[in-house]
C-alpha cells in the first residue's frame, strides 16, 4: 500500500476529535424518524454503518426547530427525543465510531403539515415549490426579529446536541435549504444588510456559525457543507464558493464539505449518474405532487453522466485558498480515487450512495488494494427516502430492514408534552 492510500486508513484529528480513519458518512435524510422520533430502523442503520469501519457517521437533517423541518417526519432538536437520541448515539459510540449531527433548516422550502406559522420563512417572499401541492404556495420574508430568533435557535440547538452526545456538528449551508437561500442571489432579494453583496448574504450564516461556536466552545468540531455551484442561472457559482469558503475559514470553521447543486432547482448536479426523474415519479404518492413532477421533472432532473471525482477540479481551487480541513464528497468510490484525494491534500472523504450499496466499504477498501464500490450510481436510492422503510439501495440490501420504521421507544407523556410545547 502506498503512503497516500495508507493515509486513508490512518487516524486523524478534527479539532481535537480523534477519528480512526479518513472516511465519514455523509449526512442524508434517511426517512426513518416517524413523527419526528428516532426509530429502531435509524439506530440499526447507523450501527450497521459503524460496523463497516467508518470513522464518523452523520445523522442527517437534524432540524434546529420544529418549523425548520421539510416535513413532519424529520427530526428536530427538543427535549422530547433526548432519551432515544442519546441511546442511538451511545450504541454507535460502543462500536468506536463518532457521531456528527447535521444542523438544518428548510427556510422557505417546506411541506411540513405541522408548521406553526401561516407560511414558511425565507430571506424573501416567493414561491414555496415543495409546498404547492400541500396548499403552502408561498413563503414569507423573515423580519429582523425572525433572524435574531433563528440565530438563537441555532445556538440552543447546538447546546442540546452537544449535551446528548454528538461529537461534531455540521452546518448545512448548501443544497438550497434555509442558510443557502440567504447566501444565494437567486433566492435572496433583500435590501437590508442581509441582502445584496455576497458579504451581506453571508452575514446570517456567519452569525449562525458564531452562535454555534459560542454554544459548543472552541474545542468542539464544527464543519459546514456548501454547494460549489447551484447550477442555475442567477444562483451561486464556483467562484462564489471560493469566496464563501474563505469567509468560513476566517470565521473559524473546522472543515468544509464541498458538495453541489440545489434540491429546489437542480439536484442532479450532486447526484451524477442515473436520472432520478422516473424513480421519484414512481415513489411519489401525493396525486398533485406526482402531476407536478410529471410536468416539471424533465426540466428539474437534468442529465449529468457519472464520472469519478466529478467535483475535484472545483474543490481543488478551494483547497488552495483555505487552511481548514477539506472534506471531499462527490464521486469517490474506488481506492484509486481515495488515493488521489489524499495526494491532492484533502483531509477527509465523505461517502453517501456507496455506503448504502456497501456499508463495509472502509473495511473492504483496506483489504483490497484494487477496491471498487459495487454502487452503479443509478440514484434509485434517492427515491426511497420517503418510503415506509426509509432510504435503501434497491439493488443490494445489507441493512436487513424490511419493515416500516418504528419509533425507538414509545414517547412518554412528558416527551409528548415537550413536543406539543415546541410546536406551540
Protein backbone atom coordinates (compact mmCIF):
# COMPACT_ATOMS: atom_id res chain seq x y z
CA UNK A 1 0.00 0.00 0.00
CA UNK A 2 1.44 3.40 -0.98
CA UNK A 3 1.63 6.22 1.60
CA UNK A 4 -1.31 8.18 0.16
CA UNK A 5 -3.66 5.21 0.16
CA UNK A 6 -2.38 4.21 3.58
CA UNK A 7 -3.27 7.72 4.80
CA UNK A 8 -6.94 7.00 4.08
CA UNK A 9 -6.93 4.34 6.77
CA UNK A 10 -4.77 6.17 9.31
CA UNK A 11 -6.08 8.02 12.38
CA UNK A 12 -6.79 11.73 12.06
CA UNK A 13 -7.85 14.63 14.26
CA UNK A 14 -10.66 17.13 13.61
CA UNK A 15 -10.23 19.99 16.08
CA UNK A 16 -9.12 17.55 18.75
CA UNK A 17 -11.66 14.85 17.89
CA UNK A 18 -9.77 11.63 17.20
CA UNK A 19 -11.09 9.68 14.21
CA UNK A 20 -9.95 6.18 13.31
CA UNK A 21 -9.61 6.89 9.59
CA UNK A 22 -10.44 9.49 6.91
CA UNK A 23 -13.89 8.17 5.92
CA UNK A 24 -17.05 9.94 7.12
CA UNK A 25 -20.61 9.01 6.28
CA UNK A 26 -22.28 11.95 4.52
CA UNK A 27 -25.37 13.48 6.08
CA UNK A 28 -28.57 12.36 4.35
CA UNK A 29 -32.19 12.25 5.40
CA UNK A 30 -32.83 8.56 5.96
CA UNK A 31 -36.62 8.77 6.29
CA UNK A 32 -36.51 6.72 9.50
CA UNK A 33 -37.91 9.20 12.01
CA UNK A 34 -41.71 8.73 12.04
CA UNK A 35 -43.45 11.77 13.53
CA UNK A 36 -40.00 13.21 14.19
CA UNK A 37 -38.82 10.48 16.60
CA UNK A 38 -35.68 8.31 16.22
CA UNK A 39 -36.64 4.78 15.21
CA UNK A 40 -35.19 1.31 15.60
CA UNK A 41 -34.52 1.43 11.87
CA UNK A 42 -32.44 4.60 12.24
CA UNK A 43 -30.48 3.02 15.08
CA UNK A 44 -29.90 -0.18 13.10
CA UNK A 45 -28.89 1.84 10.06
CA UNK A 46 -26.16 3.79 11.83
CA UNK A 47 -24.98 0.76 13.79
CA UNK A 48 -24.56 -1.11 10.51
CA UNK A 49 -22.62 1.80 9.03
CA UNK A 50 -20.44 1.84 12.15
CA UNK A 51 -19.77 -1.90 11.90
CA UNK A 52 -18.49 -1.35 8.37
CA UNK A 53 -15.47 0.62 9.55
CA UNK A 54 -16.45 4.26 9.08
CA UNK A 55 -14.74 6.72 11.44
CA UNK A 56 -17.74 9.01 11.91
CA UNK A 57 -21.36 8.69 10.85
CA UNK A 58 -23.64 11.67 10.34
CA UNK A 59 -27.26 11.82 11.46
CA UNK A 60 -28.66 13.87 8.63
CA UNK A 61 -31.03 16.80 8.76
CA UNK A 62 -31.41 17.49 12.45
CA UNK A 63 -33.72 20.50 12.16
CA UNK A 64 -32.89 23.18 14.69
CA UNK A 65 -36.60 23.87 15.32
CA UNK A 66 -39.95 22.28 14.52
CA UNK A 67 -40.69 24.73 11.68
CA UNK A 68 -37.27 24.06 10.19
CA UNK A 69 -38.34 20.60 9.02
CA UNK A 70 -39.18 19.94 5.39
CA UNK A 71 -41.89 17.57 6.58
CA UNK A 72 -43.31 16.43 9.88
CA UNK A 73 -41.37 13.15 9.81
CA UNK A 74 -38.00 14.81 10.23
CA UNK A 75 -36.07 15.12 13.46
CA UNK A 76 -35.98 18.43 15.23
CA UNK A 77 -33.97 19.15 18.33
CA UNK A 78 -36.07 19.17 21.52
CA UNK A 79 -36.13 17.50 24.92
CA UNK A 80 -38.80 15.02 23.87
CA UNK A 81 -36.28 12.95 21.90
CA UNK A 82 -33.36 13.14 24.35
CA UNK A 83 -33.60 9.55 25.60
CA UNK A 84 -33.87 7.72 22.24
CA UNK A 85 -31.35 10.04 20.55
CA UNK A 86 -28.80 9.56 23.33
CA UNK A 87 -29.37 5.79 23.22
CA UNK A 88 -28.74 5.74 19.47
CA UNK A 89 -25.54 7.76 19.79
CA UNK A 90 -24.33 5.57 22.67
CA UNK A 91 -24.85 2.43 20.57
CA UNK A 92 -22.68 3.88 17.80
CA UNK A 93 -20.04 5.03 20.30
CA UNK A 94 -19.88 1.48 21.68
CA UNK A 95 -18.52 0.47 18.25
CA UNK A 96 -15.70 3.00 18.44
CA UNK A 97 -17.31 5.35 15.93
CA UNK A 98 -18.02 9.07 16.34
CA UNK A 99 -21.33 10.76 15.52
CA UNK A 100 -21.89 14.10 13.81
CA UNK A 101 -25.22 15.91 13.74
CA UNK A 102 -26.20 17.86 10.64
CA UNK A 103 -27.91 21.11 11.66
CA UNK A 104 -30.54 22.02 9.09
CA UNK A 105 -33.37 24.42 8.44
CA UNK A 106 -35.65 24.40 5.39
CA UNK A 107 -36.23 28.14 5.34
CA UNK A 108 -38.88 28.93 2.74
CA UNK A 109 -38.85 25.37 1.36
CA UNK A 110 -41.32 23.16 3.25
CA UNK A 111 -44.27 20.78 3.06
CA UNK A 112 -44.45 20.43 6.84
CA UNK A 113 -48.11 19.99 7.78
CA UNK A 114 -47.29 20.79 11.42
CA UNK A 115 -45.99 24.25 10.54
CA UNK A 116 -46.87 26.65 13.36
CA UNK A 117 -46.75 29.71 11.13
CA UNK A 118 -49.07 30.53 8.26
CA UNK A 119 -46.18 30.16 5.82
CA UNK A 120 -42.55 29.05 5.99
CA UNK A 121 -39.99 31.84 6.28
CA UNK A 122 -37.10 32.51 3.92
CA UNK A 123 -34.96 35.52 3.10
CA UNK A 124 -37.57 36.92 0.69
CA UNK A 125 -41.20 36.45 -0.27
CA UNK A 126 -41.54 33.85 -3.01
CA UNK A 127 -42.87 30.52 -4.17
CA UNK A 128 -42.55 27.50 -1.86
CA UNK A 129 -42.01 24.89 -4.57
CA UNK A 130 -42.09 21.95 -2.17
CA UNK A 131 -45.34 23.03 -0.53
CA UNK A 132 -47.51 23.95 -3.53
CA UNK A 133 -49.20 20.56 -3.67
CA UNK A 134 -49.97 20.84 0.06
CA UNK A 135 -51.57 24.27 -0.10
CA UNK A 136 -48.44 26.11 1.09
CA UNK A 137 -47.83 28.03 -2.10
CA UNK A 138 -45.72 30.91 -0.82
CA UNK A 139 -43.01 31.64 1.72
CA UNK A 140 -42.70 34.93 3.61
CA UNK A 141 -39.63 37.06 4.21
CA UNK A 142 -38.01 36.95 7.63
CA UNK A 143 -38.08 40.11 9.69
CA UNK A 144 -35.03 41.25 11.65
CA UNK A 145 -36.69 39.81 14.76
CA UNK A 146 -37.15 36.46 12.96
CA UNK A 147 -33.48 36.44 12.01
CA UNK A 148 -32.38 37.20 15.56
CA UNK A 149 -34.62 34.42 16.87
CA UNK A 150 -33.25 31.95 14.32
CA UNK A 151 -29.66 32.67 15.38
CA UNK A 152 -30.65 31.97 18.98
CA UNK A 153 -32.39 28.79 17.87
CA UNK A 154 -29.16 27.52 16.29
CA UNK A 155 -27.30 28.37 19.49
CA UNK A 156 -29.80 26.48 21.65
CA UNK A 157 -29.91 23.50 19.29
CA UNK A 158 -26.11 23.29 19.39
CA UNK A 159 -26.13 23.25 23.19
CA UNK A 160 -28.70 20.48 23.13
CA UNK A 161 -26.87 18.41 20.51
CA UNK A 162 -23.61 18.56 22.42
CA UNK A 163 -25.45 17.54 25.60
CA UNK A 164 -26.99 14.40 24.03
CA UNK A 165 -23.61 13.12 22.88
CA UNK A 166 -22.87 14.35 19.36
CA UNK A 167 -19.11 14.57 18.75
CA UNK A 168 -19.27 17.16 15.97
CA UNK A 169 -21.79 19.45 14.30
CA UNK A 170 -22.29 20.06 10.60
CA UNK A 171 -23.90 23.28 9.44
CA UNK A 172 -25.91 22.62 6.28
CA UNK A 173 -25.22 25.70 4.15
CA UNK A 174 -25.95 24.13 0.77
CA UNK A 175 -28.48 22.41 -1.47
CA UNK A 176 -30.97 25.29 -1.49
CA UNK A 177 -32.06 24.99 2.14
CA UNK A 178 -32.54 27.85 4.59
CA UNK A 179 -28.98 29.14 5.03
CA UNK A 180 -28.24 28.65 1.34
CA UNK A 181 -31.36 30.67 0.50
CA UNK A 182 -29.77 33.64 2.26
CA UNK A 183 -26.43 33.03 0.53
CA UNK A 184 -27.87 32.79 -2.98
CA UNK A 185 -28.73 35.86 -5.10
CA UNK A 186 -31.39 33.68 -6.75
CA UNK A 187 -33.47 33.49 -3.57
CA UNK A 188 -32.22 36.44 -1.51
CA UNK A 189 -33.66 39.71 -2.79
CA UNK A 190 -33.41 41.62 0.49
CA UNK A 191 -32.46 45.31 0.52
CA UNK A 192 -31.08 45.41 4.08
CA UNK A 193 -27.74 44.29 5.49
CA UNK A 194 -28.70 40.63 4.93
CA UNK A 195 -29.05 41.07 1.16
CA UNK A 196 -27.19 42.47 -1.82
CA UNK A 197 -23.45 41.74 -1.82
CA UNK A 198 -22.08 38.29 -1.09
CA UNK A 199 -20.64 39.67 2.15
CA UNK A 200 -24.14 40.74 3.19
CA UNK A 201 -25.72 37.47 2.05
CA UNK A 202 -23.16 35.59 4.13
CA UNK A 203 -24.00 37.65 7.22
CA UNK A 204 -26.58 35.22 8.61
CA UNK A 205 -24.56 32.00 8.05
CA UNK A 206 -21.55 33.64 9.71
CA UNK A 207 -23.67 34.84 12.63
CA UNK A 208 -25.06 31.33 12.96
CA UNK A 209 -21.53 29.90 12.96
CA UNK A 210 -20.54 32.34 15.70
CA UNK A 211 -23.61 31.41 17.77
CA UNK A 212 -22.95 27.69 17.42
CA UNK A 213 -19.30 28.19 18.30
CA UNK A 214 -20.30 30.12 21.41
CA UNK A 215 -22.60 27.25 22.40
CA UNK A 216 -20.13 24.38 21.97
CA UNK A 217 -16.77 26.04 22.67
CA UNK A 218 -13.51 26.33 20.79
CA UNK A 219 -12.50 22.67 21.18
CA UNK A 220 -15.60 21.17 19.57
CA UNK A 221 -15.59 20.38 15.81
CA UNK A 222 -17.88 22.43 13.58
CA UNK A 223 -17.89 21.73 9.86
CA UNK A 224 -20.02 23.14 7.06
CA UNK A 225 -21.49 21.74 3.86
CA UNK A 226 -21.66 24.15 0.94
CA UNK A 227 -22.74 23.95 -2.70
CA UNK A 228 -19.85 24.56 -5.07
CA UNK A 229 -22.50 25.73 -7.52
CA UNK A 230 -26.28 25.79 -7.58
CA UNK A 231 -26.23 25.05 -11.29
CA UNK A 232 -28.92 27.59 -12.18
CA UNK A 233 -28.78 30.98 -13.83
CA UNK A 234 -28.54 33.73 -11.23
CA UNK A 235 -27.55 31.34 -8.45
CA UNK A 236 -24.30 30.68 -6.62
CA UNK A 237 -21.41 29.65 -8.85
CA UNK A 238 -17.95 28.12 -8.48
CA UNK A 239 -16.24 31.49 -7.91
CA UNK A 240 -18.75 32.32 -5.17
CA UNK A 241 -17.86 29.03 -3.48
CA UNK A 242 -14.24 30.11 -3.16
CA UNK A 243 -15.20 33.41 -1.55
CA UNK A 244 -17.70 31.67 0.75
CA UNK A 245 -15.07 29.13 1.84
CA UNK A 246 -12.53 31.87 2.60
CA UNK A 247 -15.09 33.67 4.76
CA UNK A 248 -15.92 30.47 6.64
CA UNK A 249 -12.24 29.69 7.10
CA UNK A 250 -11.53 33.12 8.55
CA UNK A 251 -14.55 32.76 10.83
CA UNK A 252 -13.08 29.62 12.39
CA UNK A 253 -14.83 26.71 10.68
CA UNK A 254 -13.00 23.42 11.27
CA UNK A 255 -13.83 21.82 7.95
CA UNK A 256 -15.63 22.47 4.66
CA UNK A 257 -17.57 19.85 2.71
CA UNK A 258 -17.62 20.66 -1.00
CA UNK A 259 -20.95 19.39 -2.32
CA UNK A 260 -23.07 20.99 -5.05
CA UNK A 261 -26.45 21.58 -6.59
CA UNK A 262 -29.76 22.56 -5.06
CA UNK A 263 -32.66 20.30 -4.13
CA UNK A 264 -35.06 23.03 -5.14
CA UNK A 265 -33.81 23.75 -8.65
CA UNK A 266 -31.10 21.37 -9.88
CA UNK A 267 -30.50 18.31 -7.66
CA UNK A 268 -28.76 16.17 -10.28
CA UNK A 269 -25.54 18.17 -10.01
CA UNK A 270 -24.91 16.45 -6.68
CA UNK A 271 -26.24 13.07 -7.89
CA UNK A 272 -24.31 12.34 -11.10
CA UNK A 273 -25.39 9.17 -12.82
CA UNK A 274 -28.81 7.68 -13.45
CA UNK A 275 -31.57 10.25 -13.75
CA UNK A 276 -33.85 10.12 -10.71
CA UNK A 277 -36.89 11.53 -12.53
CA UNK A 278 -38.66 8.20 -13.14
CA UNK A 279 -37.85 6.70 -9.69
CA UNK A 280 -39.08 9.89 -7.97
CA UNK A 281 -42.25 9.87 -10.07
CA UNK A 282 -42.91 6.23 -9.22
CA UNK A 283 -42.31 6.76 -5.49
CA UNK A 284 -44.49 9.87 -5.11
CA UNK A 285 -47.93 9.12 -3.61
CA UNK A 286 -49.48 12.60 -3.44
CA UNK A 287 -51.57 13.00 -6.65
CA UNK A 288 -50.88 16.70 -7.19
CA UNK A 289 -47.19 16.39 -6.39
CA UNK A 290 -46.99 13.43 -8.77
CA UNK A 291 -48.54 15.57 -11.50
CA UNK A 292 -46.09 18.40 -10.80
CA UNK A 293 -43.13 16.00 -11.04
CA UNK A 294 -44.52 14.60 -14.29
CA UNK A 295 -44.75 18.09 -15.77
CA UNK A 296 -41.62 19.73 -14.36
CA UNK A 297 -39.44 16.66 -13.82
CA UNK A 298 -37.68 16.60 -17.20
CA UNK A 299 -36.51 20.19 -16.65
CA UNK A 300 -35.74 19.80 -12.94
CA UNK A 301 -33.88 16.49 -13.22
CA UNK A 302 -31.23 17.14 -15.82
CA UNK A 303 -28.81 14.56 -17.14
CA UNK A 304 -25.30 14.58 -15.66
CA UNK A 305 -23.38 11.38 -16.53
CA UNK A 306 -21.41 9.87 -13.67
CA UNK A 307 -17.66 10.20 -13.52
CA UNK A 308 -15.26 9.61 -10.66
CA UNK A 309 -14.32 12.68 -8.61
CA UNK A 310 -16.69 14.95 -10.50
CA UNK A 311 -16.20 17.84 -8.04
CA UNK A 312 -12.42 17.52 -7.78
CA UNK A 313 -11.41 20.35 -10.12
CA UNK A 314 -13.52 22.93 -8.30
CA UNK A 315 -12.87 21.55 -4.80
CA UNK A 316 -9.14 21.76 -5.53
CA UNK A 317 -9.47 25.52 -6.09
CA UNK A 318 -10.85 25.86 -2.56
CA UNK A 319 -8.17 23.58 -1.11
CA UNK A 320 -5.61 26.08 -2.40
CA UNK A 321 -7.30 29.02 -0.62
CA UNK A 322 -8.18 27.79 2.87
CA UNK A 323 -6.32 26.46 5.89
CA UNK A 324 -9.15 24.46 7.49
CA UNK A 325 -9.81 20.79 6.87
CA UNK A 326 -11.21 19.94 3.44
CA UNK A 327 -13.79 17.15 3.27
CA UNK A 328 -14.37 15.86 -0.25
CA UNK A 329 -17.70 14.45 -1.39
CA UNK A 330 -18.80 13.57 -4.92
CA UNK A 331 -17.91 10.51 -6.97
CA UNK A 332 -15.29 8.88 -4.77
CA UNK A 333 -15.90 5.14 -4.89
CA UNK A 334 -12.57 3.41 -5.63
CA UNK A 335 -9.22 3.10 -3.92
CA UNK A 336 -7.69 4.89 -6.89
CA UNK A 337 -9.92 7.88 -6.15
CA UNK A 338 -9.31 7.73 -2.40
CA UNK A 339 -5.56 7.73 -3.00
CA UNK A 340 -5.83 10.66 -5.40
CA UNK A 341 -7.77 12.74 -2.90
CA UNK A 342 -5.13 12.20 -0.23
CA UNK A 343 -2.43 13.09 -2.78
CA UNK A 344 -4.33 16.29 -3.61
CA UNK A 345 -4.27 17.36 0.04
CA UNK A 346 -7.84 16.63 1.14
CA UNK A 347 -8.17 15.64 4.77
CA UNK A 348 -11.35 13.54 4.83
CA UNK A 349 -13.72 11.84 2.39
CA UNK A 350 -17.49 11.76 2.80
CA UNK A 351 -19.36 8.79 1.37
CA UNK A 352 -23.08 8.54 0.63
CA UNK A 353 -24.55 6.28 -2.03
CA UNK A 354 -21.58 3.90 -1.98
CA UNK A 355 -22.21 3.15 1.72
CA UNK A 356 -25.85 2.29 1.01
CA UNK A 357 -24.75 -0.33 -1.52
CA UNK A 358 -21.81 -1.47 0.58
CA UNK A 359 -21.72 -0.42 4.26
CA UNK A 360 -18.47 -2.39 4.67
CA UNK A 361 -16.66 -0.14 2.19
CA UNK A 362 -13.95 1.15 4.60
CA UNK A 363 -13.07 -2.37 5.76
CA UNK A 364 -13.13 -3.83 2.26
CA UNK A 365 -11.11 -0.99 0.75
CA UNK A 366 -8.41 -1.51 3.35
CA UNK A 367 -8.13 -5.21 2.49
CA UNK A 368 -8.28 -4.90 -1.30
CA UNK A 369 -5.76 -2.59 -2.98
CA UNK A 370 -7.89 -2.60 -6.16
CA UNK A 371 -11.19 -1.96 -4.41
CA UNK A 372 -14.09 -0.55 -6.44
CA UNK A 373 -17.52 0.09 -4.97
CA UNK A 374 -20.36 -2.01 -6.34
CA UNK A 375 -22.59 1.10 -6.42
CA UNK A 376 -23.70 1.70 -10.02
CA UNK A 377 -24.84 5.30 -9.31
CA UNK A 378 -28.36 4.57 -10.53
CA UNK A 379 -29.75 7.06 -7.94
CA UNK A 380 -32.78 4.86 -7.31
CA UNK A 381 -31.91 5.05 -3.59
CA UNK A 382 -32.78 8.75 -3.53
CA UNK A 383 -36.40 7.99 -4.38
CA UNK A 384 -36.69 5.59 -1.40
CA UNK A 385 -36.25 8.30 1.26
CA UNK A 386 -39.96 8.68 1.98
CA UNK A 387 -40.92 5.03 1.51
CA UNK A 388 -42.13 3.23 4.67
CA UNK A 389 -38.81 1.55 5.44
CA UNK A 390 -36.70 4.57 4.59
CA UNK A 391 -33.69 5.01 2.35
CA UNK A 392 -32.04 1.89 0.95
CA UNK A 393 -30.14 0.54 -2.01
CA UNK A 394 -32.60 -1.01 -4.46
CA UNK A 395 -30.01 -3.49 -5.76
CA UNK A 396 -28.18 -4.64 -2.63
CA UNK A 397 -29.72 -4.89 0.83
CA UNK A 398 -27.18 -5.19 3.60
CA UNK A 399 -29.26 -3.48 6.27
CA UNK A 400 -31.89 -6.18 6.95
CA UNK A 401 -34.61 -3.55 7.26
CA UNK A 402 -37.75 -4.83 5.59
CA UNK A 403 -40.44 -3.39 7.87
CA UNK A 404 -41.60 0.22 8.23
CA UNK A 405 -39.61 2.26 10.73
CA UNK A 406 -40.90 2.09 14.31
CA UNK A 407 -40.07 4.65 16.99
CA UNK A 408 -37.10 3.64 19.12
CA UNK A 409 -39.25 3.84 22.24
CA UNK A 410 -42.81 4.88 22.83
CA UNK A 411 -42.81 8.59 23.71
CA UNK A 412 -43.68 9.19 27.34
CA UNK A 413 -46.38 11.66 28.31
CA UNK A 414 -43.65 14.16 29.20
CA UNK A 415 -41.98 13.69 25.81
CA UNK A 416 -45.28 14.16 24.02
CA UNK A 417 -45.92 17.26 26.14
CA UNK A 418 -42.46 18.56 25.21
CA UNK A 419 -43.21 18.10 21.52
CA UNK A 420 -46.51 19.94 21.82
CA UNK A 421 -44.79 22.79 23.65
CA UNK A 422 -42.14 23.03 20.96
CA UNK A 423 -44.83 23.08 18.28
CA UNK A 424 -46.85 25.74 20.09
